[in-house]
Amino acid sequence: MTIRSIAHIHQLQTIADDNHDYVPPDGMIQELIKDNRHIAEQQRAAIEICDKNRDSATSNVLQEVLNQTEKRIWFLYEISAGGRNEY
């Protein structure tokens, strides 16, 4: 289905808008982690659909996008830890 309008985008969105005047940095990072985890779940579901329908080309592209999303989650988590994690 083709997106038809801004209202249609609003109907389809799965991540709520954040319209606060101010969000503290740590809160913003936590929200970004949560949103990116949601995106990763959606990407995994799309990959599963592609695999069930033997669409390996699209599945491979989505896997690359998922890898980027997971790296972003890791990066945001590390920022939120503030360097307190020891390896």
PDB file of N, CA and C in Angstrom:
ATOM      1  N   MET A   1       0.847  -1.177   0.000  1.00  0.00           N
ATOM      2  CA  MET A   1       0.000   0.000   0.000  1.00  0.00           C
ATOM      3  C   MET A   1       0.896   1.246   0.000  1.00  0.00           C
ATOM      4  N   THR A   2       0.558   2.203  -0.794  1.00  0.00           N
ATOM      5  CA  THR A   2       1.291   3.451  -0.858  1.00  0.00           C
ATOM      6  C   THR A   2       0.792   4.401   0.224  1.00  0.00           C
ATOM      7  N   ILE A   3       1.713   5.082   0.880  1.00  0.00           N
ATOM      8  CA  ILE A   3       1.333   6.084   1.880  1.00  0.00           C
ATOM      9  C   ILE A   3       0.704   7.259   1.152  1.00  0.00           C
ATOM     10  N   ARG A   4      -0.446   7.697   1.662  1.00  0.00           N
ATOM     11  CA  ARG A   4      -1.230   8.701   0.948  1.00  0.00           C
ATOM     12  C   ARG A   4      -1.165  10.106   1.542  1.00  0.00           C
ATOM     13  N   SER A   5      -0.842  10.214   2.837  1.00  0.00           N
ATOM     14  CA  SER A   5      -0.863  11.539   3.448  1.00  0.00           C
ATOM     15  C   SER A   5      -0.138  11.506   4.791  1.00  0.00           C
ATOM     16  N   ILE A   6       0.039  12.673   5.367  1.00  0.00           N
ATOM     17  CA  ILE A   6       0.621  12.771   6.709  1.00  0.00           C
ATOM     18  C   ILE A   6      -0.280  12.055   7.711  1.00  0.00           C
ATOM     19  N   ALA A   7      -1.582  12.189   7.553  1.00  0.00           N
ATOM     20  CA  ALA A   7      -2.525  11.504   8.447  1.00  0.00           C
ATOM     21  C   ALA A   7      -2.372   9.993   8.332  1.00  0.00           C
ATOM     22  N   HIS A   8      -2.122   9.506   7.130  1.00  0.00           N
ATOM     23  CA  HIS A   8      -1.926   8.075   6.918  1.00  0.00           C
ATOM     24  C   HIS A   8      -0.653   7.604   7.625  1.00  0.00           C
ATOM     25  N   ILE A   9       0.392   8.408   7.555  1.00  0.00           N
ATOM     26  CA  ILE A   9       1.630   8.092   8.276  1.00  0.00           C
ATOM     27  C   ILE A   9       1.326   7.980   9.766  1.00  0.00           C
ATOM     28  N   HIS A  10       0.572   8.920  10.285  1.00  0.00           N
ATOM     29  CA  HIS A  10       0.209   8.911  11.703  1.00  0.00           C
ATOM     30  C   HIS A  10      -0.534   7.625  12.069  1.00  0.00           C
ATOM     31  N   GLN A  11      -1.409   7.170  11.217  1.00  0.00           N
ATOM     32  CA  GLN A  11      -2.157   5.941  11.472  1.00  0.00           C
ATOM     33  C   GLN A  11      -1.255   4.720  11.499  1.00  0.00           C
ATOM     34  N   LEU A  12      -0.200   4.736  10.692  1.00  0.00           N
ATOM     35  CA  LEU A  12       0.674   3.578  10.561  1.00  0.00           C
ATOM     36  C   LEU A  12       1.840   3.551  11.543  1.00  0.00           C
ATOM     37  N   GLN A  13       2.143   4.690  12.140  1.00  0.00           N
ATOM     38  CA  GLN A  13       3.328   4.741  12.987  1.00  0.00           C
ATOM     39  C   GLN A  13       3.165   3.869  14.226  1.00  0.00           C
ATOM     40  N   THR A  14       4.285   3.267  14.644  1.00  0.00           N
ATOM     41  CA  THR A  14       4.262   2.393  15.814  1.00  0.00           C
ATOM     42  C   THR A  14       5.114   2.936  16.953  1.00  0.00           C
ATOM     43  N   ILE A  15       5.769   4.056  16.740  1.00  0.00           N
ATOM     44  CA  ILE A  15       6.543   4.729  17.782  1.00  0.00           C
ATOM     45  C   ILE A  15       5.873   6.071  18.040  1.00  0.00           C
ATOM     46  N   ALA A  16       5.513   6.288  19.302  1.00  0.00           N
ATOM     47  CA  ALA A  16       4.801   7.518  19.665  1.00  0.00           C
ATOM     48  C   ALA A  16       5.705   8.736  19.523  1.00  0.00           C
ATOM     49  N   ASP A  17       5.117   9.844  19.110  1.00  0.00           N
ATOM     50  CA  ASP A  17       5.842  11.103  19.046  1.00  0.00           C
ATOM     51  C   ASP A  17       6.168  11.577  20.456  1.00  0.00           C
ATOM     52  N   ASP A  18       7.297  12.252  20.583  1.00  0.00           N
ATOM     53  CA  ASP A  18       7.685  12.859  21.857  1.00  0.00           C
ATOM     54  C   ASP A  18       7.631  14.371  21.659  1.00  0.00           C
ATOM     55  N   ASN A  19       6.609  14.988  22.192  1.00  0.00           N
ATOM     56  CA  ASN A  19       6.407  16.422  21.988  1.00  0.00           C
ATOM     57  C   ASN A  19       6.749  17.259  23.213  1.00  0.00           C
ATOM     58  N   HIS A  20       7.577  16.715  24.099  1.00  0.00           N
ATOM     59  CA  HIS A  20       7.976  17.472  25.283  1.00  0.00           C
ATOM     60  C   HIS A  20       8.847  18.655  24.879  1.00  0.00           C
ATOM     61  N   ASP A  21       8.724  19.750  25.610  1.00  0.00           N
ATOM     62  CA  ASP A  21       9.552  20.918  25.332  1.00  0.00           C
ATOM     63  C   ASP A  21      11.018  20.647  25.634  1.00  0.00           C
ATOM     64  N   TYR A  22      11.271  19.815  26.657  1.00  0.00           N
ATOM     65  CA  TYR A  22      12.652  19.498  27.029  1.00  0.00           C
ATOM     66  C   TYR A  22      12.725  18.051  27.476  1.00  0.00           C
ATOM     67  N   VAL A  23      13.725  17.357  27.002  1.00  0.00           N
ATOM     68  CA  VAL A  23      13.998  15.993  27.436  1.00  0.00           C
ATOM     69  C   VAL A  23      15.455  15.970  27.880  1.00  0.00           C
ATOM     70  N   PRO A  24      15.718  15.577  29.126  1.00  0.00           N
ATOM     71  CA  PRO A  24      17.111  15.532  29.569  1.00  0.00           C
ATOM     72  C   PRO A  24      17.894  14.511  28.748  1.00  0.00           C
ATOM     73  N   PRO A  25      19.194  14.717  28.580  1.00  0.00           N
ATOM     74  CA  PRO A  25      19.993  13.829  27.726  1.00  0.00           C
ATOM     75  C   PRO A  25      19.869  12.346  28.088  1.00  0.00           C
ATOM     76  N   ASP A  26      19.902  12.012  29.366  1.00  0.00           N
ATOM     77  CA  ASP A  26      19.812  10.599  29.732  1.00  0.00           C
ATOM     78  C   ASP A  26      18.434  10.026  29.383  1.00  0.00           C
ATOM     79  N   GLY A  27      17.393  10.820  29.522  1.00  0.00           N
ATOM     80  CA  GLY A  27      16.057  10.388  29.140  1.00  0.00           C
ATOM     81  C   GLY A  27      15.934  10.211  27.636  1.00  0.00           C
ATOM     82  N   MET A  28      16.585  11.099  26.897  1.00  0.00           N
ATOM     83  CA  MET A  28      16.562  11.019  25.439  1.00  0.00           C
ATOM     84  C   MET A  28      17.257   9.739  24.964  1.00  0.00           C
ATOM     85  N   ILE A  29      18.385   9.425  25.577  1.00  0.00           N
ATOM     86  CA  ILE A  29      19.115   8.218  25.197  1.00  0.00           C
ATOM     87  C   ILE A  29      18.289   6.980  25.505  1.00  0.00           C
ATOM     88  N   GLN A  30      17.646   6.944  26.676  1.00  0.00           N
ATOM     89  CA  GLN A  30      16.810   5.794  27.034  1.00  0.00           C
ATOM     90  C   GLN A  30      15.637   5.635  26.058  1.00  0.00           C
ATOM     91  N   GLU A  31      15.059   6.748  25.660  1.00  0.00           N
ATOM     92  CA  GLU A  31      13.954   6.703  24.690  1.00  0.00           C
ATOM     93  C   GLU A  31      14.446   6.192  23.332  1.00  0.00           C
ATOM     94  N   LEU A  32      15.633   6.632  22.929  1.00  0.00           N
ATOM     95  CA  LEU A  32      16.200   6.159  21.664  1.00  0.00           C
ATOM     96  C   LEU A  32      16.503   4.664  21.716  1.00  0.00           C
ATOM     97  N   ILE A  33      16.993   4.178  22.848  1.00  0.00           N
ATOM     98  CA  ILE A  33      17.237   2.736  22.999  1.00  0.00           C
ATOM     99  C   ILE A  33      15.925   1.975  22.855  1.00  0.00           C
ATOM    100  N   LYS A  34      14.898   2.438  23.556  1.00  0.00           N
ATOM    101  CA  LYS A  34      13.592   1.773  23.501  1.00  0.00           C
ATOM    102  C   LYS A  34      13.039   1.766  22.072  1.00  0.00           C
ATOM    103  N   ASP A  35      13.104   2.909  21.403  1.00  0.00           N
ATOM    104  CA  ASP A  35      12.589   3.015  20.036  1.00  0.00           C
ATOM    105  C   ASP A  35      13.366   2.118  19.075  1.00  0.00           C
ATOM    106  N   ASN A  36      14.685   2.078  19.215  1.00  0.00           N
ATOM    107  CA  ASN A  36      15.495   1.248  18.331  1.00  0.00           C
ATOM    108  C   ASN A  36      15.271  -0.236  18.591  1.00  0.00           C
ATOM    109  N   ARG A  37      15.016  -0.618  19.832  1.00  0.00           N
ATOM    110  CA  ARG A  37      14.672  -2.016  20.117  1.00  0.00           C
ATOM    111  C   ARG A  37      13.356  -2.382  19.428  1.00  0.00           C
ATOM    112  N   HIS A  38      12.405  -1.460  19.456  1.00  0.00           N
ATOM    113  CA  HIS A  38      11.130  -1.686  18.769  1.00  0.00           C
ATOM    114  C   HIS A  38      11.353  -1.843  17.261  1.00  0.00           C
ATOM    115  N   ILE A  39      12.178  -0.974  16.702  1.00  0.00           N
ATOM    116  CA  ILE A  39      12.482  -1.047  15.274  1.00  0.00           C
ATOM    117  C   ILE A  39      13.128  -2.393  14.943  1.00  0.00           C
ATOM    118  N   ALA A  40      14.045  -2.848  15.789  1.00  0.00           N
ATOM    119  CA  ALA A  40      14.709  -4.132  15.560  1.00  0.00           C
ATOM    120  C   ALA A  40      13.701  -5.280  15.569  1.00  0.00           C
ATOM    121  N   GLU A  41      12.736  -5.230  16.470  1.00  0.00           N
ATOM    122  CA  GLU A  41      11.686  -6.261  16.502  1.00  0.00           C
ATOM    123  C   GLU A  41      10.903  -6.276  15.193  1.00  0.00           C
ATOM    124  N   GLN A  42      10.557  -5.097  14.707  1.00  0.00           N
ATOM    125  CA  GLN A  42       9.820  -4.992  13.455  1.00  0.00           C
ATOM    126  C   GLN A  42      10.653  -5.505  12.281  1.00  0.00           C
ATOM    127  N   GLN A  43      11.939  -5.201  12.294  1.00  0.00           N
ATOM    128  CA  GLN A  43      12.819  -5.669  11.231  1.00  0.00           C
ATOM    129  C   GLN A  43      12.946  -7.194  11.259  1.00  0.00           C
ATOM    130  N   ARG A  44      13.058  -7.766  12.455  1.00  0.00           N
ATOM    131  CA  ARG A  44      13.130  -9.229  12.561  1.00  0.00           C
ATOM    132  C   ARG A  44      11.852  -9.874  12.024  1.00  0.00           C
ATOM    133  N   ALA A  45      10.710  -9.273  12.324  1.00  0.00           N
ATOM    134  CA  ALA A  45       9.434  -9.803  11.823  1.00  0.00           C
ATOM    135  C   ALA A  45       9.389  -9.727  10.295  1.00  0.00           C
ATOM    136  N   ALA A  46       9.887  -8.640   9.730  1.00  0.00           N
ATOM    137  CA  ALA A  46       9.900  -8.499   8.269  1.00  0.00           C
ATOM    138  C   ALA A  46      10.842  -9.521   7.636  1.00  0.00           C
ATOM    139  N   ILE A  47      11.978  -9.764   8.272  1.00  0.00           N
ATOM    140  CA  ILE A  47      12.924 -10.768   7.764  1.00  0.00           C
ATOM    141  C   ILE A  47      12.275 -12.148   7.776  1.00  0.00           C
ATOM    142  N   GLU A  48      11.557 -12.447   8.838  1.00  0.00           N
ATOM    143  CA  GLU A  48      10.873 -13.737   8.938  1.00  0.00           C
ATOM    144  C   GLU A  48       9.854 -13.918   7.808  1.00  0.00           C
ATOM    145  N   ILE A  49       9.105 -12.863   7.505  1.00  0.00           N
ATOM    146  CA  ILE A  49       8.138 -12.918   6.403  1.00  0.00           C
ATOM    147  C   ILE A  49       8.859 -13.171   5.078  1.00  0.00           C
ATOM    148  N   CYS A  50       9.967 -12.460   4.873  1.00  0.00           N
ATOM    149  CA  CYS A  50      10.738 -12.653   3.636  1.00  0.00           C
ATOM    150  C   CYS A  50      11.245 -14.087   3.538  1.00  0.00           C
ATOM    151  N   ASP A  51      11.758 -14.610   4.654  1.00  0.00           N
ATOM    152  CA  ASP A  51      12.282 -15.977   4.642  1.00  0.00           C
ATOM    153  C   ASP A  51      11.183 -16.994   4.357  1.00  0.00           C
ATOM    154  N   LYS A  52      10.007 -16.790   4.945  1.00  0.00           N
ATOM    155  CA  LYS A  52       8.887 -17.712   4.703  1.00  0.00           C
ATOM    156  C   LYS A  52       8.472 -17.702   3.240  1.00  0.00           C
ATOM    157  N   ASN A  53       8.644 -16.557   2.582  1.00  0.00           N
ATOM    158  CA  ASN A  53       8.256 -16.423   1.178  1.00  0.00           C
ATOM    159  C   ASN A  53       9.442 -16.579   0.229  1.00  0.00           C
ATOM    160  N   ARG A  54      10.551 -17.054   0.745  1.00  0.00           N
ATOM    161  CA  ARG A  54      11.765 -17.317  -0.034  1.00  0.00           C
ATOM    162  C   ARG A  54      12.261 -16.100  -0.808  1.00  0.00           C
ATOM    163  N   ASP A  55      12.136 -14.940  -0.176  1.00  0.00           N
ATOM    164  CA  ASP A  55      12.640 -13.700  -0.770  1.00  0.00           C
ATOM    165  C   ASP A  55      13.976 -13.372  -0.099  1.00  0.00           C
ATOM    166  N   SER A  56      14.995 -14.111  -0.506  1.00  0.00           N
ATOM    167  CA  SER A  56      16.290 -13.962   0.154  1.00  0.00           C
ATOM    168  C   SER A  56      16.953 -12.609  -0.130  1.00  0.00           C
ATOM    169  N   ALA A  57      16.698 -12.032  -1.286  1.00  0.00           N
ATOM    170  CA  ALA A  57      17.306 -10.739  -1.610  1.00  0.00           C
ATOM    171  C   ALA A  57      16.836  -9.663  -0.629  1.00  0.00           C
ATOM    172  N   THR A  58      15.540  -9.575  -0.424  1.00  0.00           N
ATOM    173  CA  THR A  58      15.005  -8.585   0.516  1.00  0.00           C
ATOM    174  C   THR A  58      15.416  -8.922   1.945  1.00  0.00           C
ATOM    175  N   SER A  59      15.406 -10.199   2.276  1.00  0.00           N
ATOM    176  CA  SER A  59      15.819 -10.633   3.605  1.00  0.00           C
ATOM    177  C   SER A  59      17.255 -10.210   3.889  1.00  0.00           C
ATOM    178  N   ASN A  60      18.142 -10.363   2.914  1.00  0.00           N
ATOM    179  CA  ASN A  60      19.537  -9.971   3.095  1.00  0.00           C
ATOM    180  C   ASN A  60      19.683  -8.472   3.303  1.00  0.00           C
ATOM    181  N   VAL A  61      18.935  -7.686   2.543  1.00  0.00           N
ATOM    182  CA  VAL A  61      18.978  -6.232   2.714  1.00  0.00           C
ATOM    183  C   VAL A  61      18.484  -5.857   4.101  1.00  0.00           C
ATOM    184  N   LEU A  62      17.368  -6.462   4.506  1.00  0.00           N
ATOM    185  CA  LEU A  62      16.822  -6.170   5.832  1.00  0.00           C
ATOM    186  C   LEU A  62      17.764  -6.618   6.940  1.00  0.00           C
ATOM    187  N   GLN A  63      18.494  -7.707   6.733  1.00  0.00           N
ATOM    188  CA  GLN A  63      19.460  -8.163   7.738  1.00  0.00           C
ATOM    189  C   GLN A  63      20.562  -7.133   7.925  1.00  0.00           C
ATOM    190  N   GLU A  64      21.011  -6.526   6.825  1.00  0.00           N
ATOM    191  CA  GLU A  64      22.020  -5.464   6.931  1.00  0.00           C
ATOM    192  C   GLU A  64      21.478  -4.268   7.721  1.00  0.00           C
ATOM    193  N   VAL A  65      20.236  -3.905   7.443  1.00  0.00           N
ATOM    194  CA  VAL A  65      19.609  -2.792   8.160  1.00  0.00           C
ATOM    195  C   VAL A  65      19.462  -3.151   9.636  1.00  0.00           C
ATOM    196  N   LEU A  66      19.085  -4.386   9.941  1.00  0.00           N
ATOM    197  CA  LEU A  66      18.968  -4.849  11.323  1.00  0.00           C
ATOM    198  C   LEU A  66      20.322  -4.793  12.017  1.00  0.00           C
ATOM    199  N   ASN A  67      21.385  -5.185  11.335  1.00  0.00           N
ATOM    200  CA  ASN A  67      22.724  -5.105  11.924  1.00  0.00           C
ATOM    201  C   ASN A  67      23.059  -3.672  12.317  1.00  0.00           C
ATOM    202  N   GLN A  68      22.706  -2.719  11.468  1.00  0.00           N
ATOM    203  CA  GLN A  68      22.946  -1.308  11.782  1.00  0.00           C
ATOM    204  C   GLN A  68      22.127  -0.875  12.990  1.00  0.00           C
ATOM    205  N   THR A  69      20.884  -1.335  13.067  1.00  0.00           N
ATOM    206  CA  THR A  69      20.024  -0.992  14.194  1.00  0.00           C
ATOM    207  C   THR A  69      20.599  -1.560  15.487  1.00  0.00           C
ATOM    208  N   GLU A  70      21.071  -2.797  15.454  1.00  0.00           N
ATOM    209  CA  GLU A  70      21.646  -3.412  16.643  1.00  0.00           C
ATOM    210  C   GLU A  70      22.923  -2.712  17.075  1.00  0.00           C
ATOM    211  N   LYS A  71      23.737  -2.260  16.130  1.00  0.00           N
ATOM    212  CA  LYS A  71      24.933  -1.480  16.464  1.00  0.00           C
ATOM    213  C   LYS A  71      24.544  -0.164  17.132  1.00  0.00           C
ATOM    214  N   ARG A  72      23.480   0.458  16.615  1.00  0.00           N
ATOM    215  CA  ARG A  72      22.996   1.708  17.201  1.00  0.00           C
ATOM    216  C   ARG A  72      22.529   1.486  18.631  1.00  0.00           C
ATOM    217  N   ILE A  73      21.819   0.384  18.880  1.00  0.00           N
ATOM    218  CA  ILE A  73      21.358   0.060  20.235  1.00  0.00           C
ATOM    219  C   ILE A  73      22.562  -0.112  21.157  1.00  0.00           C
ATOM    220  N   TRP A  74      23.552  -0.848  20.710  1.00  0.00           N
ATOM    221  CA  TRP A  74      24.754  -1.068  21.504  1.00  0.00           C
ATOM    222  C   TRP A  74      25.440   0.262  21.817  1.00  0.00           C
ATOM    223  N   PHE A  75      25.594   1.098  20.791  1.00  0.00           N
ATOM    224  CA  PHE A  75      26.242   2.395  20.953  1.00  0.00           C
ATOM    225  C   PHE A  75      25.486   3.253  21.967  1.00  0.00           C
ATOM    226  N   LEU A  76      24.175   3.320  21.842  1.00  0.00           N
ATOM    227  CA  LEU A  76      23.368   4.111  22.776  1.00  0.00           C
ATOM    228  C   LEU A  76      23.456   3.551  24.191  1.00  0.00           C
ATOM    229  N   TYR A  77      23.462   2.232  24.314  1.00  0.00           N
ATOM    230  CA  TYR A  77      23.590   1.620  25.632  1.00  0.00           C
ATOM    231  C   TYR A  77      24.918   2.002  26.268  1.00  0.00           C
ATOM    232  N   GLU A  78      25.985   1.936  25.498  1.00  0.00           N
ATOM    233  CA  GLU A  78      27.303   2.295  26.026  1.00  0.00           C
ATOM    234  C   GLU A  78      27.353   3.759  26.453  1.00  0.00           C
ATOM    235  N   ILE A  79      26.717   4.622  25.675  1.00  0.00           N
ATOM    236  CA  ILE A  79      26.649   6.035  26.057  1.00  0.00           C
ATOM    237  C   ILE A  79      25.880   6.179  27.372  1.00  0.00           C
ATOM    238  N   SER A  80      24.780   5.442  27.492  1.00  0.00           N
ATOM    239  CA  SER A  80      23.964   5.549  28.705  1.00  0.00           C
ATOM    240  C   SER A  80      24.698   5.035  29.927  1.00  0.00           C
ATOM    241  N   ALA A  81      25.635   4.097  29.738  1.00  0.00           N
ATOM    242  CA  ALA A  81      26.417   3.566  30.843  1.00  0.00           C
ATOM    243  C   ALA A  81      27.509   4.548  31.261  1.00  0.00           C
ATOM    244  N   GLY A  82      27.797   5.504  30.422  1.00  0.00           N
ATOM    245  CA  GLY A  82      28.769   6.550  30.754  1.00  0.00           C
ATOM    246  C   GLY A  82      30.173   6.047  30.989  1.00  0.00           C
ATOM    247  N   GLY A  83      30.540   4.958  30.327  1.00  0.00           N
ATOM    248  CA  GLY A  83      31.884   4.435  30.488  1.00  0.00           C
ATOM    249  C   GLY A  83      32.079   3.664  31.780  1.00  0.00           C
ATOM    250  N   ARG A  84      30.986   3.348  32.470  1.00  0.00           N
ATOM    251  CA  ARG A  84      31.104   2.648  33.752  1.00  0.00           C
ATOM    252  C   ARG A  84      31.270   1.145  33.590  1.00  0.00           C
ATOM    253  N   ASN A  85      31.023   0.627  32.396  1.00  0.00           N
ATOM    254  CA  ASN A  85      31.176  -0.808  32.180  1.00  0.00           C
ATOM    255  C   ASN A  85      32.629  -1.165  32.041  1.00  0.00           C
ATOM    256  N   GLU A  86      33.058  -2.168  32.757  1.00  0.00           N
ATOM    257  CA  GLU A  86      34.434  -2.638  32.623  1.00  0.00           C
ATOM    258  C   GLU A  86      34.426  -3.951  31.886  1.00  0.00           C
ATOM    259  N   TYR A  87      35.410  -4.155  31.057  1.00  0.00           N
ATOM    260  CA  TYR A  87      35.468  -5.368  30.258  1.00  0.00           C
ATOM    261  C   TYR A  87      36.420  -6.354  30.858  1.00  0.00           C
TER     262      TYR A  87
END
